[in-house]
Amino acid sequence: MATDINNSQQKIAAASPLFPQQDIDEIQLAIGNILRSGRLILGEHTLAFEQEFQSYLGVEHAVAVSTCTAAIQITLRFHEVKQREVILPTNNFIGVVSAVLEEGATPVLADMNPETFCADTDDVLARITPNTAGIILVHIAGLVHPDIDRIRLVCENKGIFLLEDASHAHGAEIDGRKAGSLSESGCFSFYPTKLMTTGTGGMLTTSNKQLADYARSVRHHGVGNSLDDVVNLGNDWCMSEIHAVLGRSQLKRLEQSIEHRNRLIIRYRNGLKELSWLSIPQYPKNFRHAYYKFPILLREGLDRDRFRRMIFEDYNIENGAIYDPPCHLQPVLRKLMGCCEGMYPQAESALKRQFCPPIHSALSELEVDRVIAAIVEAGKRCGFN
């Protein structure tokens, strides 16, 4: 039976959080208890969420904070990056660049590898100078950076830090090791579109006790053992108890969510494999992709923007693209750093051709079939062959 792809059908979201009714009931009960207790921050749920998250990753410490950007900024401040350089990919969230600038450091952008969407390893390493403080490596779309071990060894030899931005990679693995546990420190986002959400929130992960202690101080205005003593310059970066309750609930569902996403990706791959105008990335068996997104590339010369509009307007299917335009082409960095087109050609070329169909924990197999049918039909209408 042909899949109905009429525009009158219900919209398919590009991303959506999943809260089954059983989880909602448990969350509501816990929130009621929190409100009655009067302890709204740094209580039992925050501590439990941290302990459960660090156990899941296999690290010694997890520090819950208000956002992933806060986790990044705390790490940068710990490493005293002021007046030094921090290397990070241009296909990245602008908030990471903002954190580097806020800490008085110079962002040094690197190009991307169009096959993995992660930072180009050779370009990253070529940008290390005597003034480099560290590298922020982003696990794009749910894929652990394939060269993270190589880059970590270089960082260790040169005495610079390596921070994993695992905002897309909750539960992603390489050789059975989880993202966020592969270097001195990692950071996670719990934004509503992510693999697990607290509404807003973040987590800093590390096995460095000194960094963890510093993070716990700085997230709460820099206080020490006594709330009366401020020992570090800090900020109001605490996660609330209510957000922590959401995080604990979502963490319980994370493995199930990753398995569901991987099943849907197999369905996408089977349904799209005959389309010669699409390039679908393949990954080695020693990786477990978390599939925050499913980035695929259209052949050069095709009108990606028209295709995306058609998928949304004619078939009522939301879709996306990751970090297009990249950081160096954002107006603020054109102004502040003098960035311009042509500086990072691999990123510019690939990001203009990428397309991300819907993938999320609430997506059904029938909806994936509808998306596949829409992609095939829209490609024909656009003259792709």
Protein backbone atom coordinates (compact mmCIF):
# COMPACT_ATOMS: atom_id res chain seq x y z
CA MET A 1 0.00 0.00 0.00
CA ALA A 2 1.37 3.43 -0.96
CA THR A 3 2.23 5.79 1.87
CA ASP A 4 -0.12 8.80 2.12
CA ILE A 5 2.00 11.96 2.00
CA ASN A 6 -0.76 14.51 1.53
CA ASN A 7 -0.13 17.93 3.08
CA SER A 8 -3.40 17.67 5.01
CA GLN A 9 -1.86 15.06 7.28
CA GLN A 10 -0.65 16.04 10.74
CA LYS A 11 2.68 17.81 10.79
CA ILE A 12 5.73 15.70 11.53
CA ALA A 13 8.09 17.54 13.86
CA ALA A 14 11.82 17.64 13.18
CA ALA A 15 12.47 17.13 16.90
CA SER A 16 10.28 16.46 19.92
CA PRO A 17 10.83 15.42 23.54
CA LEU A 18 9.21 12.23 24.78
CA PHE A 19 7.44 12.09 28.14
CA PRO A 20 5.16 9.03 28.45
CA GLN A 21 2.20 9.44 30.82
CA GLN A 22 3.80 7.20 33.44
CA ASP A 23 6.83 9.49 33.51
CA ILE A 24 4.63 12.59 33.69
CA ASP A 25 2.80 11.17 36.71
CA GLU A 26 6.07 10.42 38.50
CA ILE A 27 7.49 13.85 37.62
CA GLN A 28 4.40 15.64 38.90
CA LEU A 29 4.57 13.75 42.19
CA ALA A 30 8.26 14.58 42.63
CA ILE A 31 7.73 18.25 41.79
CA GLY A 32 4.94 18.48 44.34
CA ASN A 33 7.27 17.08 46.99
CA ILE A 34 9.96 19.58 46.00
CA LEU A 35 7.60 22.53 46.28
CA ARG A 36 6.40 21.36 49.67
CA SER A 37 9.98 20.89 50.88
CA GLY A 38 11.05 24.44 50.06
CA ARG A 39 14.43 23.18 48.74
CA LEU A 40 14.45 24.33 45.11
CA ILE A 41 18.18 24.15 44.27
CA LEU A 42 21.11 21.92 45.25
CA GLY A 43 18.85 19.35 46.87
CA GLU A 44 18.49 15.59 46.76
CA HIS A 45 17.38 15.41 43.13
CA THR A 46 20.32 17.43 41.83
CA LEU A 47 22.72 15.22 43.76
CA ALA A 48 20.97 12.05 42.59
CA PHE A 49 20.93 13.22 38.96
CA GLU A 50 24.66 13.94 39.13
CA GLN A 51 25.42 10.54 40.64
CA GLU A 52 23.25 8.69 38.14
CA PHE A 53 24.74 10.57 35.20
CA GLN A 54 28.36 10.02 36.26
CA SER A 55 27.63 6.33 36.81
CA TYR A 56 26.07 6.08 33.35
CA LEU A 57 29.15 7.62 31.73
CA GLY A 58 31.72 5.91 33.92
CA VAL A 59 33.33 9.10 35.20
CA GLU A 60 34.04 10.14 38.78
CA HIS A 61 32.18 13.45 38.80
CA ALA A 62 29.17 15.10 37.16
CA VAL A 63 28.20 18.67 38.03
CA ALA A 64 24.71 19.86 37.08
CA VAL A 65 24.49 23.43 35.81
CA SER A 66 21.97 25.75 34.18
CA THR A 67 23.17 25.30 30.58
CA CYS A 68 25.81 23.55 28.53
CA THR A 69 27.31 26.96 27.78
CA ALA A 70 27.77 27.45 31.53
CA ALA A 71 29.60 24.12 31.73
CA ILE A 72 31.89 25.22 28.91
CA GLN A 73 32.54 28.61 30.45
CA ILE A 74 33.35 27.07 33.85
CA THR A 75 35.85 24.72 32.21
CA LEU A 76 37.47 27.58 30.29
CA ARG A 77 37.74 29.66 33.46
CA PHE A 78 39.29 26.73 35.33
CA HIS A 79 41.97 26.49 32.66
CA GLU A 80 42.66 30.26 32.76
CA VAL A 81 42.29 30.80 29.03
CA LYS A 82 42.33 34.61 29.17
CA GLN A 83 44.53 36.10 26.42
CA ARG A 84 45.14 32.65 24.97
CA GLU A 85 43.63 30.72 22.05
CA VAL A 86 40.97 28.00 22.04
CA ILE A 87 40.47 25.86 18.93
CA LEU A 88 36.92 24.79 18.01
CA PRO A 89 35.03 23.86 14.82
CA THR A 90 33.28 26.48 12.74
CA ASN A 91 30.27 24.16 12.31
CA ASN A 92 29.28 24.71 15.89
CA PHE A 93 26.76 26.43 18.12
CA ILE A 94 27.56 30.13 18.42
CA GLY A 95 27.17 29.91 22.21
CA VAL A 96 30.44 27.98 22.41
CA VAL A 97 32.27 30.80 20.64
CA SER A 98 30.54 33.28 22.94
CA ALA A 99 31.81 31.38 26.00
CA VAL A 100 35.38 31.57 24.69
CA LEU A 101 35.04 35.31 24.08
CA GLU A 102 33.40 35.87 27.47
CA GLU A 103 36.46 34.33 29.14
CA GLY A 104 38.78 36.70 27.31
CA ALA A 105 40.24 34.12 24.94
CA THR A 106 40.53 34.11 21.15
CA PRO A 107 38.42 31.55 19.29
CA VAL A 108 40.43 29.81 16.56
CA LEU A 109 37.98 28.15 14.21
CA ALA A 110 38.75 24.94 12.32
CA ASP A 111 37.22 23.43 9.19
CA MET A 112 35.00 20.33 9.15
CA ASN A 113 35.31 16.88 7.64
CA PRO A 114 32.36 16.53 5.24
CA GLU A 115 32.28 12.74 5.67
CA THR A 116 31.71 12.85 9.44
CA PHE A 117 30.55 16.47 9.98
CA CYS A 118 33.04 16.56 12.87
CA ALA A 119 36.04 18.90 12.93
CA ASP A 120 38.76 18.13 10.38
CA THR A 121 41.51 16.56 12.49
CA ASP A 122 44.46 17.73 10.40
CA ASP A 123 43.13 21.29 10.34
CA VAL A 124 42.56 21.26 14.12
CA LEU A 125 46.08 20.04 14.86
CA ALA A 126 47.63 22.46 12.36
CA ARG A 127 46.13 25.39 14.27
CA ILE A 128 47.88 24.57 17.56
CA THR A 129 50.38 27.28 18.52
CA PRO A 130 52.43 28.06 21.64
CA ASN A 131 49.50 30.27 22.71
CA THR A 132 46.88 27.50 22.45
CA ALA A 133 45.17 26.81 25.78
CA GLY A 134 43.00 23.96 24.58
CA ILE A 135 40.63 22.40 22.08
CA ILE A 136 36.84 22.05 22.21
CA LEU A 137 35.86 19.01 20.16
CA VAL A 138 32.20 18.65 19.21
CA HIS A 139 30.60 15.23 18.69
CA ILE A 140 28.36 16.37 15.84
CA ALA A 141 24.84 14.95 15.41
CA GLY A 142 25.49 12.11 17.87
CA LEU A 143 28.76 10.75 16.43
CA VAL A 144 31.82 10.60 18.67
CA HIS A 145 34.66 12.37 16.89
CA PRO A 146 36.47 9.48 15.16
CA ASP A 147 39.93 10.86 15.97
CA ILE A 148 39.32 11.82 19.58
CA ASP A 149 42.00 9.47 20.92
CA ARG A 150 44.61 10.86 18.53
CA ILE A 151 43.70 14.44 19.40
CA ARG A 152 43.68 13.68 23.14
CA LEU A 153 47.22 12.28 22.97
CA VAL A 154 48.44 15.39 21.16
CA CYS A 155 46.80 17.59 23.80
CA GLU A 156 48.40 15.60 26.62
CA ASN A 157 51.82 15.84 24.98
CA LYS A 158 51.49 19.59 24.49
CA GLY A 159 49.98 20.28 27.91
CA ILE A 160 46.72 21.73 26.61
CA PHE A 161 43.18 20.78 27.63
CA LEU A 162 40.64 18.86 25.57
CA LEU A 163 36.95 19.51 26.26
CA GLU A 164 34.31 17.30 24.66
CA ASP A 165 31.16 19.13 23.65
CA ALA A 166 28.76 16.20 23.85
CA SER A 167 25.59 18.27 23.46
CA HIS A 168 24.52 15.99 20.59
CA ALA A 169 25.97 12.78 21.95
CA HIS A 170 24.27 11.55 25.13
CA GLY A 171 24.99 7.82 25.15
CA ALA A 172 27.10 7.84 21.98
CA GLU A 173 30.06 5.46 22.11
CA ILE A 174 33.37 4.55 20.51
CA ASP A 175 34.77 1.12 21.39
CA GLY A 176 32.23 0.88 24.22
CA ARG A 177 33.37 4.16 25.82
CA LYS A 178 30.82 6.93 26.15
CA ALA A 179 31.04 10.50 24.94
CA GLY A 180 31.85 12.80 27.83
CA SER A 181 34.25 10.28 29.37
CA LEU A 182 36.95 10.32 26.69
CA SER A 183 39.00 13.32 27.84
CA GLU A 184 39.58 15.37 30.97
CA SER A 185 36.14 16.94 30.73
CA GLY A 186 32.88 16.85 28.83
CA CYS A 187 29.78 19.00 28.67
CA PHE A 188 26.18 18.14 27.85
CA SER A 189 23.10 20.14 26.91
CA PHE A 190 19.58 19.26 28.03
CA TYR A 191 17.83 21.67 25.65
CA PRO A 192 14.32 20.55 24.53
CA THR A 193 15.49 19.18 21.17
CA LYS A 194 18.30 17.03 22.61
CA LEU A 195 18.33 13.26 23.19
CA MET A 196 17.29 13.94 26.78
CA THR A 197 15.93 17.20 28.11
CA THR A 198 15.38 19.10 31.32
CA GLY A 199 13.82 22.03 29.46
CA THR A 200 17.07 23.90 29.86
CA GLY A 201 20.14 22.70 31.66
CA GLY A 202 23.61 21.25 31.32
CA MET A 203 26.14 18.91 32.87
CA LEU A 204 29.91 19.05 33.27
CA THR A 205 31.57 15.63 33.48
CA THR A 206 35.12 14.86 34.59
CA SER A 207 37.33 12.54 36.61
CA ASN A 208 39.40 15.54 37.74
CA LYS A 209 38.33 16.26 41.33
CA GLN A 210 39.91 19.71 41.27
CA LEU A 211 37.82 20.72 38.25
CA ALA A 212 34.66 19.23 39.78
CA ASP A 213 35.17 21.08 43.07
CA TYR A 214 35.83 24.30 41.17
CA ALA A 215 32.67 23.82 39.08
CA ARG A 216 30.51 23.26 42.17
CA SER A 217 31.84 26.49 43.62
CA VAL A 218 31.61 28.63 40.50
CA ARG A 219 28.07 27.52 39.60
CA HIS A 220 26.92 28.94 42.96
CA HIS A 221 28.52 32.39 42.89
CA GLY A 222 31.95 31.02 43.81
CA VAL A 223 31.15 30.07 47.40
CA GLY A 224 33.43 27.76 49.35
CA ASN A 225 32.63 25.34 52.17
CA SER A 226 30.74 28.15 53.89
CA LEU A 227 28.06 30.10 52.06
CA ASP A 228 29.54 33.21 53.68
CA ASP A 229 32.92 32.75 51.99
CA VAL A 230 33.31 33.48 48.28
CA VAL A 231 36.53 31.84 47.10
CA ASN A 232 36.12 32.08 43.30
CA LEU A 233 34.56 34.46 40.81
CA GLY A 234 31.33 32.69 39.95
CA ASN A 235 27.82 33.08 38.65
CA ASP A 236 24.26 31.85 39.18
CA TRP A 237 24.62 28.65 37.16
CA CYS A 238 22.80 26.14 39.38
CA MET A 239 20.31 23.65 38.01
CA SER A 240 16.98 23.72 39.83
CA GLU A 241 15.58 20.68 41.59
CA ILE A 242 12.66 20.64 39.16
CA HIS A 243 15.01 20.48 36.18
CA ALA A 244 16.93 17.69 37.91
CA VAL A 245 13.73 15.66 38.30
CA LEU A 246 13.17 15.91 34.54
CA GLY A 247 16.76 14.86 33.93
CA ARG A 248 16.51 11.79 36.13
CA SER A 249 13.35 10.70 34.35
CA GLN A 250 14.87 11.24 30.91
CA LEU A 251 18.10 9.42 31.78
CA LYS A 252 16.09 6.29 32.56
CA ARG A 253 14.72 6.39 29.00
CA LEU A 254 17.98 7.27 27.23
CA GLU A 255 19.07 3.76 26.23
CA GLN A 256 15.58 3.00 24.95
CA SER A 257 15.62 6.27 23.01
CA ILE A 258 18.97 5.56 21.35
CA GLU A 259 17.87 2.06 20.36
CA HIS A 260 14.64 3.47 18.89
CA ARG A 261 16.51 6.11 16.91
CA ASN A 262 18.93 3.54 15.50
CA ARG A 263 16.02 1.36 14.36
CA LEU A 264 14.47 4.34 12.59
CA ILE A 265 17.78 5.16 10.91
CA ILE A 266 17.95 1.64 9.48
CA ARG A 267 14.48 2.25 8.04
CA TYR A 268 15.63 5.58 6.56
CA ARG A 269 18.73 3.97 5.05
CA ASN A 270 16.73 1.17 3.43
CA GLY A 271 14.16 3.57 2.06
CA LEU A 272 16.64 6.09 0.64
CA LYS A 273 19.51 3.89 -0.53
CA GLU A 274 18.45 3.89 -4.19
CA LEU A 275 18.53 7.70 -4.48
CA SER A 276 21.71 8.51 -6.39
CA TRP A 277 21.45 12.21 -5.58
CA LEU A 278 21.73 11.60 -1.82
CA SER A 279 24.90 10.74 0.07
CA ILE A 280 24.18 8.91 3.34
CA PRO A 281 27.17 8.59 5.69
CA GLN A 282 28.32 5.18 6.88
CA TYR A 283 30.00 4.57 10.24
CA PRO A 284 32.36 1.83 11.50
CA LYS A 285 30.95 -0.90 13.73
CA ASN A 286 32.98 0.26 16.74
CA PHE A 287 30.80 3.39 16.95
CA ARG A 288 27.37 3.67 18.52
CA HIS A 289 25.75 6.71 16.96
CA ALA A 290 23.16 8.43 19.16
CA TYR A 291 21.47 10.09 16.16
CA TYR A 292 20.55 13.43 17.62
CA LYS A 293 20.35 14.34 13.94
CA PHE A 294 20.66 12.38 10.70
CA PRO A 295 22.64 14.64 8.34
CA ILE A 296 22.70 13.58 4.70
CA LEU A 297 24.20 15.39 1.72
CA LEU A 298 22.57 16.34 -1.55
CA ARG A 299 24.72 16.10 -4.65
CA GLU A 300 26.53 19.31 -5.57
CA GLY A 301 24.57 21.68 -7.76
CA LEU A 302 21.12 20.68 -6.50
CA ASP A 303 18.77 23.27 -5.01
CA ARG A 304 18.77 22.19 -1.37
CA ASP A 305 16.73 25.16 -0.13
CA ARG A 306 13.90 24.61 -2.62
CA PHE A 307 13.87 20.91 -1.71
CA ARG A 308 13.67 21.66 2.02
CA ARG A 309 10.86 24.18 1.52
CA MET A 310 8.91 21.69 -0.55
CA ILE A 311 9.23 18.98 2.10
CA PHE A 312 7.82 21.39 4.69
CA GLU A 313 5.24 23.36 2.71
CA ASP A 314 3.87 20.62 0.47
CA TYR A 315 4.21 17.59 2.75
CA ASN A 316 3.90 19.19 6.21
CA ILE A 317 7.20 17.71 7.38
CA GLU A 318 9.63 19.78 9.39
CA ASN A 319 13.30 19.31 8.53
CA GLY A 320 16.56 20.96 9.36
CA ALA A 321 20.24 21.54 8.75
CA ILE A 322 22.99 21.63 11.37
CA TYR A 323 24.91 24.89 11.75
CA ASP A 324 24.19 26.44 8.38
CA PRO A 325 25.53 29.07 8.19
CA PRO A 326 28.61 28.08 10.21
CA CYS A 327 30.01 30.29 12.96
CA HIS A 328 32.42 32.23 10.76
CA LEU A 329 29.58 33.39 8.52
CA GLN A 330 27.34 34.55 11.36
CA PRO A 331 26.98 38.36 11.27
CA VAL A 332 28.39 38.81 14.78
CA LEU A 333 31.66 37.02 13.95
CA ARG A 334 31.96 38.74 10.59
CA LYS A 335 31.92 41.95 12.61
CA LEU A 336 34.03 40.93 15.63
CA MET A 337 36.60 38.69 13.94
CA GLY A 338 36.59 39.81 10.32
CA CYS A 339 35.41 36.41 9.11
CA CYS A 340 34.29 35.98 5.52
CA GLU A 341 33.34 33.40 2.92
CA GLY A 342 36.10 31.14 1.67
CA MET A 343 37.87 30.79 5.03
CA TYR A 344 36.60 27.25 5.70
CA PRO A 345 35.75 25.79 2.29
CA GLN A 346 34.90 22.24 3.37
CA ALA A 347 32.34 23.44 5.90
CA GLU A 348 30.87 25.99 3.53
CA SER A 349 30.46 23.48 0.71
CA ALA A 350 29.01 20.63 2.76
CA LEU A 351 26.71 22.67 4.99
CA LYS A 352 25.00 24.21 1.96
CA ARG A 353 24.17 20.70 0.75
CA GLN A 354 23.09 19.04 3.99
CA PHE A 355 19.56 18.02 4.86
CA CYS A 356 18.30 16.53 8.13
CA PRO A 357 15.01 14.61 8.03
CA PRO A 358 13.08 14.24 11.30
CA ILE A 359 14.57 11.98 13.95
CA HIS A 360 13.44 11.90 17.56
CA SER A 361 12.27 9.55 20.28
CA ALA A 362 8.56 10.16 19.64
CA LEU A 363 8.82 9.49 15.89
CA SER A 364 7.05 6.37 14.62
CA GLU A 365 7.97 3.96 11.84
CA LEU A 366 4.87 5.01 9.90
CA GLU A 367 5.99 8.63 10.10
CA VAL A 368 9.44 7.66 8.83
CA ASP A 369 7.79 5.91 5.88
CA ARG A 370 5.85 9.09 5.16
CA VAL A 371 9.07 11.14 5.27
CA ILE A 372 10.82 8.71 2.92
CA ALA A 373 7.95 8.89 0.45
CA ALA A 374 8.00 12.69 0.60
CA ILE A 375 11.76 12.82 0.00
CA VAL A 376 11.46 10.53 -3.02
CA GLU A 377 8.55 12.46 -4.53
CA ALA A 378 10.02 15.91 -3.79
CA GLY A 379 13.30 14.84 -5.38
CA LYS A 380 11.45 13.89 -8.56
CA ARG A 381 9.55 17.17 -8.58
CA CYS A 382 12.82 19.09 -8.14
CA GLY A 383 14.35 17.22 -11.07
CA PHE A 384 16.91 15.33 -9.00
CA ASN A 385 18.13 12.09 -10.57
